Amino acid sequence: MPDRPKTIHDLLWNNPMVRARLARRQRELELLEAARQRVPGGLQRHCIDAHLEDTTLVLVLDSPAWATRARFIARDLGAALAAPDLTAVHIQTRPPQSPRQHPTSAQTGTPRRLSAATVEHLRTAAEHLDDPELAATFRRLAERHVEDDTSND
């Protein structure tokens, strides 16, 4: 009877390098949660990740403004975490990633249009460009943002 194929879980957990990395990541997530519990309420939701660099916990926040606030309490946070393997807390910023999409108007959710003046500038620039591909790109961009006169009927 042939051996049953191993599951991905078994393959990963039986690999010592992967097991060590998963254990390290679990430790980082535990430290992130512990840090969130020890920072002021408004700051908690802006702590988006954490990772270890040697004996330093790097706490990642989603905006520079919140990161600045966190820097004021970083030393106290390190002491509050009281982990023997940590010597410092460093604060870093990484804006949250969102899928690429057309900018939209906050009120309507519809794609924003370039102004008529911008469209005209694109067309003028296209006429004076030596690179035909770039000129064509400018023209396409301008045409994509021309207001449709039939939409006002």
N, C-alpha and C. Protein backbone atom coordinates (compact mmCIF):
# COMPACT_ATOMS: atom_id res chain seq x y z
N MET A 1 0.85 -1.17 0.00
CA MET A 1 0.00 0.00 0.00
C MET A 1 0.90 1.24 0.00
N PRO A 2 0.67 2.18 -0.93
CA PRO A 2 1.53 3.37 -1.02
C PRO A 2 1.32 4.29 0.18
N ASP A 3 2.39 5.00 0.51
CA ASP A 3 2.32 5.96 1.60
C ASP A 3 1.41 7.12 1.21
N ARG A 4 0.69 7.59 2.20
CA ARG A 4 -0.18 8.74 1.99
C ARG A 4 0.67 10.00 1.86
N PRO A 5 0.35 10.91 0.92
CA PRO A 5 1.13 12.14 0.81
C PRO A 5 1.04 12.95 2.10
N LYS A 6 2.13 13.63 2.42
CA LYS A 6 2.15 14.45 3.62
C LYS A 6 1.39 15.75 3.37
N THR A 7 0.79 16.24 4.42
CA THR A 7 0.08 17.51 4.30
C THR A 7 1.09 18.66 4.32
N ILE A 8 0.67 19.79 3.84
CA ILE A 8 1.55 20.97 3.85
C ILE A 8 1.92 21.32 5.29
N HIS A 9 0.97 21.19 6.18
CA HIS A 9 1.24 21.46 7.60
C HIS A 9 2.39 20.59 8.10
N ASP A 10 2.32 19.29 7.80
CA ASP A 10 3.37 18.38 8.24
C ASP A 10 4.72 18.73 7.60
N LEU A 11 4.70 19.04 6.31
CA LEU A 11 5.94 19.39 5.62
C LEU A 11 6.58 20.64 6.24
N LEU A 12 5.76 21.64 6.53
CA LEU A 12 6.30 22.88 7.10
C LEU A 12 6.80 22.67 8.52
N TRP A 13 5.99 22.05 9.36
CA TRP A 13 6.38 21.91 10.76
C TRP A 13 7.52 20.92 10.96
N ASN A 14 7.76 20.05 9.99
CA ASN A 14 8.89 19.11 10.11
C ASN A 14 10.19 19.70 9.59
N ASN A 15 10.11 20.88 8.98
CA ASN A 15 11.31 21.56 8.51
C ASN A 15 11.80 22.47 9.64
N PRO A 16 13.02 22.23 10.16
CA PRO A 16 13.49 23.01 11.31
C PRO A 16 13.59 24.51 11.03
N MET A 17 13.99 24.89 9.82
CA MET A 17 14.11 26.32 9.50
C MET A 17 12.73 26.99 9.49
N VAL A 18 11.78 26.33 8.88
CA VAL A 18 10.43 26.90 8.81
C VAL A 18 9.83 26.94 10.21
N ARG A 19 10.00 25.87 10.97
CA ARG A 19 9.46 25.82 12.33
C ARG A 19 10.05 26.96 13.18
N ALA A 20 11.35 27.21 13.04
CA ALA A 20 11.98 28.31 13.79
C ALA A 20 11.43 29.66 13.35
N ARG A 21 11.22 29.84 12.06
CA ARG A 21 10.69 31.11 11.56
C ARG A 21 9.24 31.32 12.03
N LEU A 22 8.45 30.26 11.99
CA LEU A 22 7.07 30.37 12.47
C LEU A 22 7.02 30.67 13.97
N ALA A 23 7.90 30.04 14.72
CA ALA A 23 7.95 30.31 16.17
C ALA A 23 8.37 31.75 16.43
N ARG A 24 9.33 32.24 15.65
CA ARG A 24 9.77 33.64 15.81
C ARG A 24 8.63 34.60 15.47
N ARG A 25 7.90 34.31 14.40
CA ARG A 25 6.80 35.18 14.01
C ARG A 25 5.70 35.16 15.08
N GLN A 26 5.46 33.99 15.65
CA GLN A 26 4.49 33.89 16.73
C GLN A 26 4.91 34.76 17.90
N ARG A 27 6.20 34.75 18.24
CA ARG A 27 6.73 35.59 19.32
C ARG A 27 6.54 37.08 18.99
N GLU A 28 6.79 37.46 17.72
CA GLU A 28 6.60 38.85 17.31
C GLU A 28 5.14 39.27 17.45
N LEU A 29 4.23 38.41 17.05
CA LEU A 29 2.80 38.73 17.17
C LEU A 29 2.37 38.84 18.62
N GLU A 30 2.94 38.00 19.49
CA GLU A 30 2.64 38.10 20.92
C GLU A 30 3.15 39.43 21.49
N LEU A 31 4.34 39.84 21.07
CA LEU A 31 4.89 41.13 21.52
C LEU A 31 4.06 42.29 20.98
N LEU A 32 3.58 42.18 19.75
CA LEU A 32 2.71 43.21 19.18
C LEU A 32 1.44 43.35 20.02
N GLU A 33 0.84 42.24 20.36
CA GLU A 33 -0.37 42.29 21.17
C GLU A 33 -0.08 42.85 22.56
N ALA A 34 1.04 42.47 23.15
CA ALA A 34 1.42 43.00 24.47
C ALA A 34 1.66 44.51 24.39
N ALA A 35 2.29 44.96 23.30
CA ALA A 35 2.53 46.39 23.13
C ALA A 35 1.22 47.13 22.97
N ARG A 36 0.30 46.58 22.18
CA ARG A 36 -1.00 47.23 21.98
C ARG A 36 -1.74 47.40 23.32
N GLN A 37 -1.60 46.43 24.20
CA GLN A 37 -2.29 46.50 25.49
C GLN A 37 -1.67 47.55 26.41
N ARG A 38 -0.45 47.96 26.12
CA ARG A 38 0.25 48.89 27.02
C ARG A 38 0.36 50.32 26.49
N VAL A 39 -0.13 50.57 25.29
CA VAL A 39 -0.09 51.93 24.75
C VAL A 39 -1.44 52.59 24.97
N PRO A 40 -1.49 53.94 24.96
CA PRO A 40 -2.76 54.63 25.12
C PRO A 40 -3.78 54.20 24.06
N GLY A 41 -5.05 54.29 24.42
CA GLY A 41 -6.14 53.80 23.58
C GLY A 41 -6.11 54.22 22.13
N GLY A 42 -5.89 55.50 21.85
CA GLY A 42 -5.91 55.97 20.46
C GLY A 42 -4.79 55.39 19.62
N LEU A 43 -3.72 55.02 20.26
CA LEU A 43 -2.55 54.52 19.56
C LEU A 43 -2.66 53.04 19.20
N GLN A 44 -3.48 52.32 19.92
CA GLN A 44 -3.56 50.86 19.74
C GLN A 44 -3.86 50.44 18.31
N ARG A 45 -4.87 51.03 17.71
CA ARG A 45 -5.27 50.59 16.38
C ARG A 45 -4.28 50.99 15.29
N HIS A 46 -3.34 51.85 15.62
CA HIS A 46 -2.35 52.28 14.62
C HIS A 46 -1.08 51.43 14.66
N CYS A 47 -0.98 50.55 15.64
CA CYS A 47 0.14 49.60 15.71
C CYS A 47 -0.22 48.43 14.80
N ILE A 48 0.39 48.39 13.62
CA ILE A 48 -0.05 47.41 12.62
C ILE A 48 0.83 46.18 12.52
N ASP A 49 2.05 46.25 13.04
CA ASP A 49 2.93 45.09 12.95
C ASP A 49 4.10 45.28 13.92
N ALA A 50 4.83 44.20 14.10
CA ALA A 50 6.05 44.25 14.92
C ALA A 50 6.97 43.15 14.42
N HIS A 51 8.26 43.41 14.52
CA HIS A 51 9.24 42.36 14.22
C HIS A 51 10.47 42.57 15.09
N LEU A 52 11.21 41.51 15.24
CA LEU A 52 12.42 41.55 16.06
C LEU A 52 13.65 41.73 15.19
N GLU A 53 14.53 42.61 15.64
CA GLU A 53 15.86 42.77 15.03
C GLU A 53 16.84 42.59 16.18
N ASP A 54 17.41 41.41 16.25
CA ASP A 54 18.26 41.03 17.38
C ASP A 54 17.47 41.18 18.68
N THR A 55 17.85 42.13 19.53
CA THR A 55 17.15 42.30 20.80
C THR A 55 16.28 43.56 20.81
N THR A 56 15.98 44.08 19.64
CA THR A 56 15.14 45.27 19.52
C THR A 56 13.80 44.89 18.91
N LEU A 57 12.73 45.33 19.57
CA LEU A 57 11.40 45.16 19.01
C LEU A 57 11.12 46.37 18.13
N VAL A 58 10.83 46.14 16.85
CA VAL A 58 10.47 47.22 15.95
C VAL A 58 8.95 47.22 15.83
N LEU A 59 8.35 48.27 16.35
CA LEU A 59 6.90 48.43 16.34
C LEU A 59 6.55 49.29 15.13
N VAL A 60 5.70 48.77 14.26
CA VAL A 60 5.36 49.44 13.01
C VAL A 60 3.99 50.10 13.16
N LEU A 61 3.95 51.41 12.85
CA LEU A 61 2.70 52.16 12.91
C LEU A 61 2.30 52.60 11.51
N ASP A 62 1.03 52.94 11.37
CA ASP A 62 0.50 53.23 10.03
C ASP A 62 0.61 54.69 9.59
N SER A 63 1.12 55.57 10.44
CA SER A 63 1.27 56.96 10.01
C SER A 63 2.39 57.64 10.80
N PRO A 64 3.04 58.61 10.18
CA PRO A 64 4.11 59.33 10.87
C PRO A 64 3.62 60.06 12.11
N ALA A 65 2.41 60.58 12.09
CA ALA A 65 1.90 61.31 13.25
C ALA A 65 1.79 60.38 14.46
N TRP A 66 1.25 59.20 14.26
CA TRP A 66 1.12 58.25 15.36
C TRP A 66 2.48 57.70 15.76
N ALA A 67 3.37 57.55 14.80
CA ALA A 67 4.72 57.06 15.11
C ALA A 67 5.44 58.06 16.01
N THR A 68 5.24 59.35 15.77
CA THR A 68 5.86 60.37 16.61
C THR A 68 5.37 60.24 18.04
N ARG A 69 4.08 60.05 18.21
CA ARG A 69 3.53 59.87 19.56
C ARG A 69 4.11 58.62 20.22
N ALA A 70 4.25 57.56 19.44
CA ALA A 70 4.77 56.31 19.99
C ALA A 70 6.24 56.45 20.41
N ARG A 71 6.99 57.27 19.69
CA ARG A 71 8.41 57.45 20.04
C ARG A 71 8.56 58.05 21.43
N PHE A 72 7.61 58.85 21.85
CA PHE A 72 7.67 59.45 23.18
C PHE A 72 7.54 58.41 24.29
N ILE A 73 6.87 57.31 23.99
CA ILE A 73 6.66 56.29 25.02
C ILE A 73 7.45 55.01 24.76
N ALA A 74 8.31 55.01 23.76
CA ALA A 74 9.03 53.78 23.37
C ALA A 74 9.87 53.22 24.52
N ARG A 75 10.58 54.08 25.22
CA ARG A 75 11.43 53.60 26.32
C ARG A 75 10.58 52.98 27.43
N ASP A 76 9.49 53.67 27.80
CA ASP A 76 8.60 53.13 28.83
C ASP A 76 7.93 51.84 28.36
N LEU A 77 7.62 51.77 27.08
CA LEU A 77 6.99 50.57 26.54
C LEU A 77 7.94 49.39 26.65
N GLY A 78 9.21 49.62 26.33
CA GLY A 78 10.20 48.55 26.45
C GLY A 78 10.29 48.03 27.87
N ALA A 79 10.26 48.94 28.83
CA ALA A 79 10.31 48.53 30.25
C ALA A 79 9.03 47.81 30.65
N ALA A 80 7.89 48.26 30.13
CA ALA A 80 6.61 47.64 30.48
C ALA A 80 6.49 46.23 29.91
N LEU A 81 7.09 46.00 28.76
CA LEU A 81 7.03 44.66 28.19
C LEU A 81 7.85 43.67 29.01
N ALA A 82 8.87 44.16 29.66
CA ALA A 82 9.68 43.37 30.60
C ALA A 82 10.06 42.00 30.05
N ALA A 83 10.47 41.96 28.80
CA ALA A 83 10.93 40.70 28.21
C ALA A 83 12.45 40.65 28.33
N PRO A 84 13.00 39.56 28.85
CA PRO A 84 14.44 39.49 29.06
C PRO A 84 15.25 39.53 27.76
N ASP A 85 14.61 39.15 26.66
CA ASP A 85 15.34 39.15 25.39
C ASP A 85 15.23 40.47 24.63
N LEU A 86 14.55 41.48 25.20
CA LEU A 86 14.41 42.79 24.56
C LEU A 86 15.23 43.83 25.28
N THR A 87 15.97 44.63 24.50
CA THR A 87 16.74 45.72 25.09
C THR A 87 16.21 47.09 24.69
N ALA A 88 15.39 47.13 23.63
CA ALA A 88 14.89 48.42 23.15
C ALA A 88 13.64 48.22 22.31
N VAL A 89 12.91 49.33 22.15
CA VAL A 89 11.77 49.37 21.24
C VAL A 89 12.05 50.49 20.25
N HIS A 90 11.97 50.15 18.99
CA HIS A 90 12.19 51.13 17.92
C HIS A 90 10.86 51.30 17.19
N ILE A 91 10.56 52.52 16.78
CA ILE A 91 9.29 52.81 16.10
C ILE A 91 9.57 53.05 14.63
N GLN A 92 8.73 52.46 13.79
CA GLN A 92 8.86 52.59 12.33
C GLN A 92 7.49 52.91 11.75
N THR A 93 7.46 53.50 10.57
CA THR A 93 6.20 53.83 9.91
C THR A 93 6.08 53.04 8.61
N ARG A 94 4.90 52.50 8.38
CA ARG A 94 4.59 51.85 7.10
C ARG A 94 3.11 52.08 6.85
N PRO A 95 2.80 52.96 5.90
CA PRO A 95 1.38 53.20 5.62
C PRO A 95 0.71 51.90 5.19
N PRO A 96 -0.55 51.73 5.53
CA PRO A 96 -1.25 50.51 5.12
C PRO A 96 -1.33 50.43 3.61
N GLN A 97 -1.24 49.24 3.10
CA GLN A 97 -1.30 49.06 1.65
C GLN A 97 -2.74 48.82 1.25
N SER A 98 -3.11 49.45 0.15
CA SER A 98 -4.45 49.23 -0.37
C SER A 98 -4.31 48.88 -1.84
N PRO A 99 -5.29 48.20 -2.38
CA PRO A 99 -5.21 47.84 -3.80
C PRO A 99 -5.16 49.09 -4.65
N ARG A 100 -4.39 49.03 -5.73
CA ARG A 100 -4.32 50.18 -6.63
C ARG A 100 -5.67 50.36 -7.31
N GLN A 101 -6.12 51.58 -7.31
CA GLN A 101 -7.38 51.88 -7.95
C GLN A 101 -7.38 53.35 -8.34
N HIS A 102 -8.33 53.70 -9.20
CA HIS A 102 -8.47 55.09 -9.58
C HIS A 102 -8.80 55.90 -8.35
N PRO A 103 -8.24 57.11 -8.21
CA PRO A 103 -8.67 57.97 -7.12
C PRO A 103 -10.15 58.26 -7.29
N THR A 104 -10.88 58.27 -6.20
CA THR A 104 -12.31 58.54 -6.29
C THR A 104 -12.68 59.72 -5.41
N SER A 105 -13.77 60.31 -5.75
CA SER A 105 -14.31 61.37 -4.92
C SER A 105 -14.85 60.75 -3.65
N ALA A 106 -14.48 61.31 -2.51
CA ALA A 106 -14.92 60.76 -1.22
C ALA A 106 -16.43 60.81 -1.09
N GLN A 107 -17.06 61.79 -1.70
CA GLN A 107 -18.50 61.92 -1.55
C GLN A 107 -19.27 60.95 -2.44
N THR A 108 -18.85 60.78 -3.68
CA THR A 108 -19.65 60.00 -4.63
C THR A 108 -19.10 58.62 -4.91
N GLY A 109 -17.81 58.41 -4.68
CA GLY A 109 -17.21 57.12 -5.01
C GLY A 109 -16.94 56.98 -6.50
N THR A 110 -17.13 58.06 -7.26
CA THR A 110 -16.89 58.00 -8.70
C THR A 110 -15.46 58.43 -8.99
N PRO A 111 -14.88 57.94 -10.09
CA PRO A 111 -13.51 58.33 -10.42
C PRO A 111 -13.42 59.85 -10.61
N ARG A 112 -12.34 60.43 -10.09
CA ARG A 112 -12.11 61.86 -10.26
C ARG A 112 -11.69 62.13 -11.69
N ARG A 113 -12.09 63.24 -12.20
CA ARG A 113 -11.72 63.69 -13.54
C ARG A 113 -10.65 64.76 -13.44
N LEU A 114 -9.77 64.78 -14.43
CA LEU A 114 -8.80 65.87 -14.52
C LEU A 114 -9.55 67.12 -14.95
N SER A 115 -9.05 68.26 -14.54
CA SER A 115 -9.70 69.51 -14.93
C SER A 115 -9.51 69.73 -16.43
N ALA A 116 -10.36 70.57 -16.98
CA ALA A 116 -10.28 70.89 -18.41
C ALA A 116 -8.92 71.51 -18.74
N ALA A 117 -8.38 72.33 -17.82
CA ALA A 117 -7.08 72.95 -18.05
C ALA A 117 -5.97 71.89 -18.10
N THR A 118 -6.05 70.90 -17.22
CA THR A 118 -5.05 69.84 -17.21
C THR A 118 -5.12 69.02 -18.48
N VAL A 119 -6.34 68.72 -18.92
CA VAL A 119 -6.51 67.97 -20.17
C VAL A 119 -5.90 68.76 -21.33
N GLU A 120 -6.12 70.05 -21.35
CA GLU A 120 -5.56 70.88 -22.42
C GLU A 120 -4.03 70.90 -22.36
N HIS A 121 -3.46 70.96 -21.16
CA HIS A 121 -2.01 70.92 -21.00
C HIS A 121 -1.44 69.60 -21.51
N LEU A 122 -2.13 68.50 -21.23
CA LEU A 122 -1.67 67.19 -21.72
C LEU A 122 -1.68 67.15 -23.25
N ARG A 123 -2.73 67.67 -23.84
CA ARG A 123 -2.82 67.68 -25.30
C ARG A 123 -1.72 68.55 -25.91
N THR A 124 -1.49 69.72 -25.33
CA THR A 124 -0.44 70.63 -25.82
C THR A 124 0.93 69.98 -25.68
N ALA A 125 1.17 69.35 -24.54
CA ALA A 125 2.45 68.69 -24.33
C ALA A 125 2.64 67.57 -25.35
N ALA A 126 1.57 66.82 -25.65
CA ALA A 126 1.66 65.72 -26.61
C ALA A 126 2.06 66.23 -27.99
N GLU A 127 1.55 67.42 -28.37
CA GLU A 127 1.87 67.99 -29.68
C GLU A 127 3.35 68.35 -29.80
N HIS A 128 3.99 68.67 -28.68
CA HIS A 128 5.37 69.14 -28.71
C HIS A 128 6.40 68.09 -28.32
N LEU A 129 5.96 66.87 -28.07
CA LEU A 129 6.89 65.82 -27.68
C LEU A 129 7.52 65.16 -28.90
N ASP A 130 8.80 64.82 -28.79
CA ASP A 130 9.49 64.13 -29.87
C ASP A 130 9.25 62.62 -29.81
N ASP A 131 8.92 62.11 -28.63
CA ASP A 131 8.70 60.68 -28.46
C ASP A 131 7.24 60.35 -28.80
N PRO A 132 7.01 59.63 -29.89
CA PRO A 132 5.62 59.35 -30.30
C PRO A 132 4.85 58.49 -29.30
N GLU A 133 5.52 57.57 -28.62
CA GLU A 133 4.83 56.73 -27.64
C GLU A 133 4.36 57.55 -26.45
N LEU A 134 5.24 58.43 -25.96
CA LEU A 134 4.86 59.27 -24.83
C LEU A 134 3.75 60.24 -25.24
N ALA A 135 3.84 60.79 -26.45
CA ALA A 135 2.79 61.68 -26.94
C ALA A 135 1.45 60.94 -27.00
N ALA A 136 1.46 59.71 -27.47
CA ALA A 136 0.22 58.92 -27.55
C ALA A 136 -0.33 58.65 -26.15
N THR A 137 0.56 58.40 -25.20
CA THR A 137 0.13 58.17 -23.82
C THR A 137 -0.54 59.41 -23.26
N PHE A 138 0.06 60.59 -23.49
CA PHE A 138 -0.54 61.84 -23.02
C PHE A 138 -1.92 62.04 -23.64
N ARG A 139 -2.04 61.75 -24.95
CA ARG A 139 -3.33 61.93 -25.62
C ARG A 139 -4.38 60.99 -25.04
N ARG A 140 -4.00 59.73 -24.82
CA ARG A 140 -4.95 58.76 -24.24
C ARG A 140 -5.40 59.21 -22.85
N LEU A 141 -4.45 59.69 -22.05
CA LEU A 141 -4.80 60.16 -20.70
C LEU A 141 -5.76 61.34 -20.78
N ALA A 142 -5.48 62.25 -21.68
CA ALA A 142 -6.36 63.42 -21.84
C ALA A 142 -7.76 62.97 -22.27
N GLU A 143 -7.84 62.06 -23.23
CA GLU A 143 -9.14 61.60 -23.72
C GLU A 143 -9.92 60.87 -22.64
N ARG A 144 -9.24 60.16 -21.79
CA ARG A 144 -9.90 59.41 -20.73
C ARG A 144 -10.58 60.35 -19.73
N HIS A 145 -10.11 61.58 -19.66
CA HIS A 145 -10.64 62.51 -18.66
C HIS A 145 -11.45 63.65 -19.26
N VAL A 146 -11.84 63.50 -20.51
CA VAL A 146 -12.70 64.51 -21.13
C VAL A 146 -14.11 64.29 -20.63
N GLU A 147 -14.76 65.37 -20.20
CA GLU A 147 -16.15 65.28 -19.73
C GLU A 147 -17.04 64.87 -20.89
N ASP A 148 -17.94 63.97 -20.63
CA ASP A 148 -18.89 63.51 -21.63
C ASP A 148 -20.08 64.46 -21.63
N ASP A 149 -20.27 65.18 -22.74
CA ASP A 149 -21.32 66.18 -22.82
C ASP A 149 -22.72 65.55 -22.76
N THR A 150 -22.85 64.27 -23.11
CA THR A 150 -24.17 63.63 -23.10
C THR A 150 -24.62 63.28 -21.70
N SER A 151 -23.69 63.28 -20.71
CA SER A 151 -24.06 62.92 -19.36
C SER A 151 -24.89 63.98 -18.66
N ASN A 152 -24.91 65.20 -19.19
CA ASN A 152 -25.66 66.28 -18.57
C ASN A 152 -27.08 66.38 -19.10
N ASP A 153 -27.46 65.53 -20.04
CA ASP A 153 -28.80 65.60 -20.64
C ASP A 153 -29.83 65.00 -19.74
